[in-house]
Amino acid sequence: MNPKNFFVELRRRNVYRVGVAYAVAGWLIIQIATSTFPYLEIPQWGTRLVIVLIGLGFVVPMMFVLGTIFAVLWGTAYFLGRKIERERAEAYAAYEAERSA
């Protein structure tokens, strides 16, 4: 698979846009947590927990998105391979029928 085609496919499926939107939303949540947790007397580890959960929440969905893309590409390649084999068999059968006639 050509890496250039891979990144084009990511752009076509709006993976970049979703990633940027998630990063902006995560940044906003972290800013709110760091500014409000001290006033609510939430321990410092609470802020760290929010940051870690946002980081994991970004990585895990991106893995599912990439996994879905690879699964779709694999299924498409399998389907096209079967279609090519079927067309090849039909063409060979037509060739054999024409040759024997």
N, C-alpha and C. Protein backbone atom coordinates (compact mmCIF):
# COMPACT_ATOMS: atom_id res chain seq x y z
N MET A 1 0.84 -1.18 0.00
CA MET A 1 0.00 0.00 0.00
C MET A 1 0.88 1.23 0.00
N ASN A 2 0.57 2.14 -0.86
CA ASN A 2 1.33 3.37 -0.99
C ASN A 2 1.01 4.30 0.18
N PRO A 3 2.03 4.79 0.91
CA PRO A 3 1.76 5.68 2.05
C PRO A 3 1.02 6.96 1.64
N LYS A 4 1.29 7.44 0.45
CA LYS A 4 0.59 8.65 0.00
C LYS A 4 -0.91 8.38 -0.12
N ASN A 5 -1.27 7.22 -0.69
CA ASN A 5 -2.68 6.85 -0.80
C ASN A 5 -3.32 6.67 0.57
N PHE A 6 -2.55 6.15 1.52
CA PHE A 6 -3.07 5.96 2.87
C PHE A 6 -3.47 7.30 3.48
N PHE A 7 -2.59 8.30 3.38
CA PHE A 7 -2.90 9.61 3.96
C PHE A 7 -4.02 10.31 3.21
N VAL A 8 -4.11 10.09 1.92
CA VAL A 8 -5.24 10.63 1.15
C VAL A 8 -6.54 10.01 1.64
N GLU A 9 -6.51 8.70 1.91
CA GLU A 9 -7.70 8.02 2.41
C GLU A 9 -8.09 8.53 3.80
N LEU A 10 -7.10 8.78 4.64
CA LEU A 10 -7.39 9.35 5.96
C LEU A 10 -8.04 10.72 5.81
N ARG A 11 -7.55 11.52 4.90
CA ARG A 11 -8.14 12.84 4.68
C ARG A 11 -9.56 12.71 4.13
N ARG A 12 -9.77 11.79 3.22
CA ARG A 12 -11.09 11.61 2.63
C ARG A 12 -12.10 11.18 3.68
N ARG A 13 -11.69 10.39 4.63
CA ARG A 13 -12.60 9.91 5.67
C ARG A 13 -12.67 10.86 6.86
N ASN A 14 -12.09 12.04 6.75
CA ASN A 14 -12.15 13.09 7.78
C ASN A 14 -11.51 12.67 9.11
N VAL A 15 -10.53 11.79 9.06
CA VAL A 15 -9.85 11.38 10.29
C VAL A 15 -9.08 12.55 10.87
N TYR A 16 -8.47 13.36 10.02
CA TYR A 16 -7.74 14.53 10.51
C TYR A 16 -8.68 15.48 11.23
N ARG A 17 -9.82 15.75 10.64
CA ARG A 17 -10.78 16.69 11.22
C ARG A 17 -11.27 16.19 12.58
N VAL A 18 -11.57 14.91 12.67
CA VAL A 18 -12.02 14.35 13.93
C VAL A 18 -10.91 14.42 14.98
N GLY A 19 -9.69 14.13 14.57
CA GLY A 19 -8.56 14.21 15.49
C GLY A 19 -8.34 15.61 16.02
N VAL A 20 -8.42 16.60 15.15
CA VAL A 20 -8.25 17.99 15.58
C VAL A 20 -9.39 18.41 16.50
N ALA A 21 -10.62 18.03 16.16
CA ALA A 21 -11.77 18.37 17.00
C ALA A 21 -11.62 17.74 18.39
N TYR A 22 -11.15 16.49 18.44
CA TYR A 22 -10.96 15.83 19.72
C TYR A 22 -9.85 16.51 20.51
N ALA A 23 -8.77 16.90 19.84
CA ALA A 23 -7.67 17.58 20.53
C ALA A 23 -8.13 18.91 21.11
N VAL A 24 -8.92 19.67 20.37
CA VAL A 24 -9.42 20.95 20.86
C VAL A 24 -10.36 20.74 22.05
N ALA A 25 -11.26 19.77 21.94
CA ALA A 25 -12.18 19.49 23.04
C ALA A 25 -11.41 18.99 24.27
N GLY A 26 -10.41 18.15 24.05
CA GLY A 26 -9.59 17.68 25.16
C GLY A 26 -8.83 18.80 25.83
N TRP A 27 -8.28 19.71 25.03
CA TRP A 27 -7.58 20.86 25.58
C TRP A 27 -8.53 21.70 26.43
N LEU A 28 -9.75 21.91 25.94
CA LEU A 28 -10.73 22.70 26.68
C LEU A 28 -11.08 22.03 28.01
N ILE A 29 -11.27 20.73 27.99
CA ILE A 29 -11.59 20.01 29.23
C ILE A 29 -10.44 20.08 30.22
N ILE A 30 -9.21 19.96 29.73
CA ILE A 30 -8.04 20.06 30.61
C ILE A 30 -7.95 21.45 31.21
N GLN A 31 -8.21 22.48 30.41
CA GLN A 31 -8.18 23.85 30.93
C GLN A 31 -9.23 24.06 32.01
N ILE A 32 -10.41 23.53 31.79
CA ILE A 32 -11.47 23.66 32.79
C ILE A 32 -11.10 22.90 34.06
N ALA A 33 -10.54 21.68 33.89
CA ALA A 33 -10.16 20.88 35.05
C ALA A 33 -9.06 21.56 35.86
N THR A 34 -8.04 22.09 35.19
CA THR A 34 -6.93 22.70 35.92
C THR A 34 -7.35 24.01 36.60
N SER A 35 -8.35 24.67 36.07
CA SER A 35 -8.76 25.93 36.70
C SER A 35 -9.84 25.74 37.77
N THR A 36 -10.65 24.69 37.68
CA THR A 36 -11.73 24.52 38.66
C THR A 36 -11.43 23.50 39.75
N PHE A 37 -10.57 22.53 39.51
CA PHE A 37 -10.31 21.51 40.51
C PHE A 37 -9.73 22.08 41.81
N PRO A 38 -8.81 23.06 41.76
CA PRO A 38 -8.32 23.61 43.04
C PRO A 38 -9.43 24.29 43.85
N TYR A 39 -10.35 24.97 43.22
CA TYR A 39 -11.44 25.63 43.94
C TYR A 39 -12.42 24.63 44.53
N LEU A 40 -12.56 23.48 43.88
CA LEU A 40 -13.45 22.43 44.38
C LEU A 40 -12.74 21.49 45.34
N GLU A 41 -11.47 21.79 45.63
CA GLU A 41 -10.62 21.01 46.53
C GLU A 41 -10.51 19.55 46.11
N ILE A 42 -10.43 19.33 44.80
CA ILE A 42 -10.18 18.00 44.26
C ILE A 42 -8.67 17.80 44.26
N PRO A 43 -8.18 16.63 44.69
CA PRO A 43 -6.73 16.42 44.76
C PRO A 43 -6.03 16.60 43.40
N GLN A 44 -4.72 16.83 43.47
CA GLN A 44 -3.92 17.04 42.26
C GLN A 44 -3.96 15.84 41.33
N TRP A 45 -4.07 14.64 41.89
CA TRP A 45 -4.10 13.45 41.03
C TRP A 45 -5.36 13.42 40.17
N GLY A 46 -6.39 14.15 40.56
CA GLY A 46 -7.60 14.23 39.75
C GLY A 46 -7.34 14.88 38.40
N THR A 47 -6.52 15.94 38.43
CA THR A 47 -6.15 16.61 37.17
C THR A 47 -5.32 15.69 36.30
N ARG A 48 -4.39 14.98 36.91
CA ARG A 48 -3.58 14.02 36.14
C ARG A 48 -4.45 12.91 35.55
N LEU A 49 -5.43 12.48 36.33
CA LEU A 49 -6.34 11.44 35.83
C LEU A 49 -7.12 11.93 34.62
N VAL A 50 -7.59 13.17 34.67
CA VAL A 50 -8.32 13.74 33.53
C VAL A 50 -7.43 13.77 32.29
N ILE A 51 -6.19 14.19 32.46
CA ILE A 51 -5.25 14.27 31.33
C ILE A 51 -4.98 12.89 30.75
N VAL A 52 -4.77 11.89 31.61
CA VAL A 52 -4.50 10.53 31.14
C VAL A 52 -5.72 9.96 30.42
N LEU A 53 -6.91 10.17 30.98
CA LEU A 53 -8.12 9.65 30.35
C LEU A 53 -8.37 10.30 29.00
N ILE A 54 -8.09 11.58 28.89
CA ILE A 54 -8.25 12.25 27.59
C ILE A 54 -7.23 11.70 26.60
N GLY A 55 -6.00 11.48 27.05
CA GLY A 55 -4.99 10.90 26.17
C GLY A 55 -5.38 9.51 25.69
N LEU A 56 -5.85 8.67 26.61
CA LEU A 56 -6.30 7.33 26.22
C LEU A 56 -7.54 7.40 25.34
N GLY A 57 -8.40 8.35 25.63
CA GLY A 57 -9.60 8.52 24.83
C GLY A 57 -9.32 8.98 23.42
N PHE A 58 -8.15 9.55 23.20
CA PHE A 58 -7.75 9.94 21.84
C PHE A 58 -7.13 8.76 21.11
N VAL A 59 -6.28 8.02 21.80
CA VAL A 59 -5.55 6.93 21.16
C VAL A 59 -6.47 5.78 20.80
N VAL A 60 -7.34 5.39 21.72
CA VAL A 60 -8.19 4.22 21.50
C VAL A 60 -9.15 4.43 20.32
N PRO A 61 -9.88 5.55 20.24
CA PRO A 61 -10.75 5.72 19.05
C PRO A 61 -9.96 5.78 17.74
N MET A 62 -8.78 6.39 17.76
CA MET A 62 -7.98 6.44 16.54
C MET A 62 -7.56 5.04 16.12
N MET A 63 -7.28 4.16 17.10
CA MET A 63 -6.95 2.77 16.74
C MET A 63 -8.15 2.10 16.09
N PHE A 64 -9.35 2.36 16.61
CA PHE A 64 -10.54 1.76 16.01
C PHE A 64 -10.79 2.32 14.61
N VAL A 65 -10.54 3.62 14.43
CA VAL A 65 -10.73 4.22 13.10
C VAL A 65 -9.75 3.59 12.12
N LEU A 66 -8.48 3.50 12.49
CA LEU A 66 -7.50 2.90 11.60
C LEU A 66 -7.80 1.41 11.38
N GLY A 67 -8.23 0.72 12.41
CA GLY A 67 -8.60 -0.69 12.25
C GLY A 67 -9.76 -0.86 11.29
N THR A 68 -10.73 0.04 11.39
CA THR A 68 -11.87 -0.02 10.47
C THR A 68 -11.43 0.23 9.04
N ILE A 69 -10.56 1.21 8.86
CA ILE A 69 -10.08 1.51 7.51
C ILE A 69 -9.35 0.29 6.93
N PHE A 70 -8.48 -0.33 7.73
CA PHE A 70 -7.76 -1.50 7.24
C PHE A 70 -8.72 -2.65 6.96
N ALA A 71 -9.74 -2.84 7.79
CA ALA A 71 -10.70 -3.91 7.56
C ALA A 71 -11.47 -3.68 6.27
N VAL A 72 -11.86 -2.44 6.04
CA VAL A 72 -12.60 -2.13 4.81
C VAL A 72 -11.69 -2.35 3.60
N LEU A 73 -10.46 -1.91 3.69
CA LEU A 73 -9.53 -2.10 2.57
C LEU A 73 -9.28 -3.58 2.32
N TRP A 74 -9.14 -4.36 3.38
CA TRP A 74 -8.91 -5.80 3.23
C TRP A 74 -10.12 -6.46 2.58
N GLY A 75 -11.32 -6.11 3.05
CA GLY A 75 -12.53 -6.67 2.48
C GLY A 75 -12.70 -6.30 1.01
N THR A 76 -12.37 -5.06 0.68
CA THR A 76 -12.46 -4.61 -0.70
C THR A 76 -11.47 -5.38 -1.58
N ALA A 77 -10.25 -5.54 -1.09
CA ALA A 77 -9.25 -6.28 -1.86
C ALA A 77 -9.69 -7.73 -2.06
N TYR A 78 -10.26 -8.34 -1.04
CA TYR A 78 -10.74 -9.72 -1.15
C TYR A 78 -11.87 -9.81 -2.17
N PHE A 79 -12.82 -8.88 -2.09
CA PHE A 79 -13.94 -8.86 -3.03
C PHE A 79 -13.46 -8.68 -4.46
N LEU A 80 -12.55 -7.73 -4.66
CA LEU A 80 -12.05 -7.48 -6.02
C LEU A 80 -11.25 -8.67 -6.54
N GLY A 81 -10.50 -9.33 -5.67
CA GLY A 81 -9.76 -10.51 -6.08
C GLY A 81 -10.69 -11.62 -6.55
N ARG A 82 -11.78 -11.84 -5.83
CA ARG A 82 -12.76 -12.85 -6.24
C ARG A 82 -13.43 -12.46 -7.55
N LYS A 83 -13.71 -11.18 -7.72
CA LYS A 83 -14.35 -10.71 -8.95
C LYS A 83 -13.41 -10.91 -10.14
N ILE A 84 -12.14 -10.61 -9.96
CA ILE A 84 -11.17 -10.79 -11.03
C ILE A 84 -11.06 -12.27 -11.40
N GLU A 85 -11.01 -13.15 -10.40
CA GLU A 85 -10.92 -14.58 -10.68
C GLU A 85 -12.16 -15.07 -11.42
N ARG A 86 -13.33 -14.59 -11.05
CA ARG A 86 -14.57 -14.98 -11.72
C ARG A 86 -14.57 -14.53 -13.17
N GLU A 87 -14.16 -13.27 -13.40
CA GLU A 87 -14.11 -12.75 -14.77
C GLU A 87 -13.07 -13.50 -15.60
N ARG A 88 -11.97 -13.86 -15.00
CA ARG A 88 -10.94 -14.61 -15.71
C ARG A 88 -11.46 -15.98 -16.10
N ALA A 89 -12.19 -16.63 -15.18
CA ALA A 89 -12.75 -17.95 -15.49
C ALA A 89 -13.79 -17.85 -16.60
N GLU A 90 -14.63 -16.80 -16.56
CA GLU A 90 -15.63 -16.62 -17.62
C GLU A 90 -14.97 -16.37 -18.97
N ALA A 91 -13.94 -15.54 -18.97
CA ALA A 91 -13.23 -15.24 -20.22
C ALA A 91 -12.56 -16.51 -20.77
N TYR A 92 -11.99 -17.31 -19.89
CA TYR A 92 -11.35 -18.54 -20.34
C TYR A 92 -12.38 -19.53 -20.88
N ALA A 93 -13.53 -19.60 -20.22
CA ALA A 93 -14.59 -20.50 -20.69
C ALA A 93 -15.10 -20.05 -22.06
N ALA A 94 -15.25 -18.74 -22.24
CA ALA A 94 -15.69 -18.21 -23.54
C ALA A 94 -14.64 -18.48 -24.60
N TYR A 95 -13.38 -18.34 -24.24
CA TYR A 95 -12.28 -18.62 -25.18
C TYR A 95 -12.28 -20.09 -25.59
N GLU A 96 -12.44 -20.97 -24.62
CA GLU A 96 -12.46 -22.41 -24.90
C GLU A 96 -13.67 -22.79 -25.77
N ALA A 97 -14.83 -22.16 -25.51
CA ALA A 97 -16.03 -22.46 -26.31
C ALA A 97 -15.84 -21.99 -27.74
N GLU A 98 -15.21 -20.83 -27.91
CA GLU A 98 -14.98 -20.28 -29.26
C GLU A 98 -13.95 -21.12 -30.00
N ARG A 99 -12.94 -21.58 -29.27
CA ARG A 99 -11.88 -22.36 -29.90
C ARG A 99 -12.36 -23.74 -30.34
N SER A 100 -13.24 -24.33 -29.57
CA SER A 100 -13.73 -25.67 -29.91
C SER A 100 -14.82 -25.64 -30.96
N ALA A 101 -15.40 -24.48 -31.18
CA ALA A 101 -16.50 -24.40 -32.16
C ALA A 101 -16.01 -24.30 -33.59
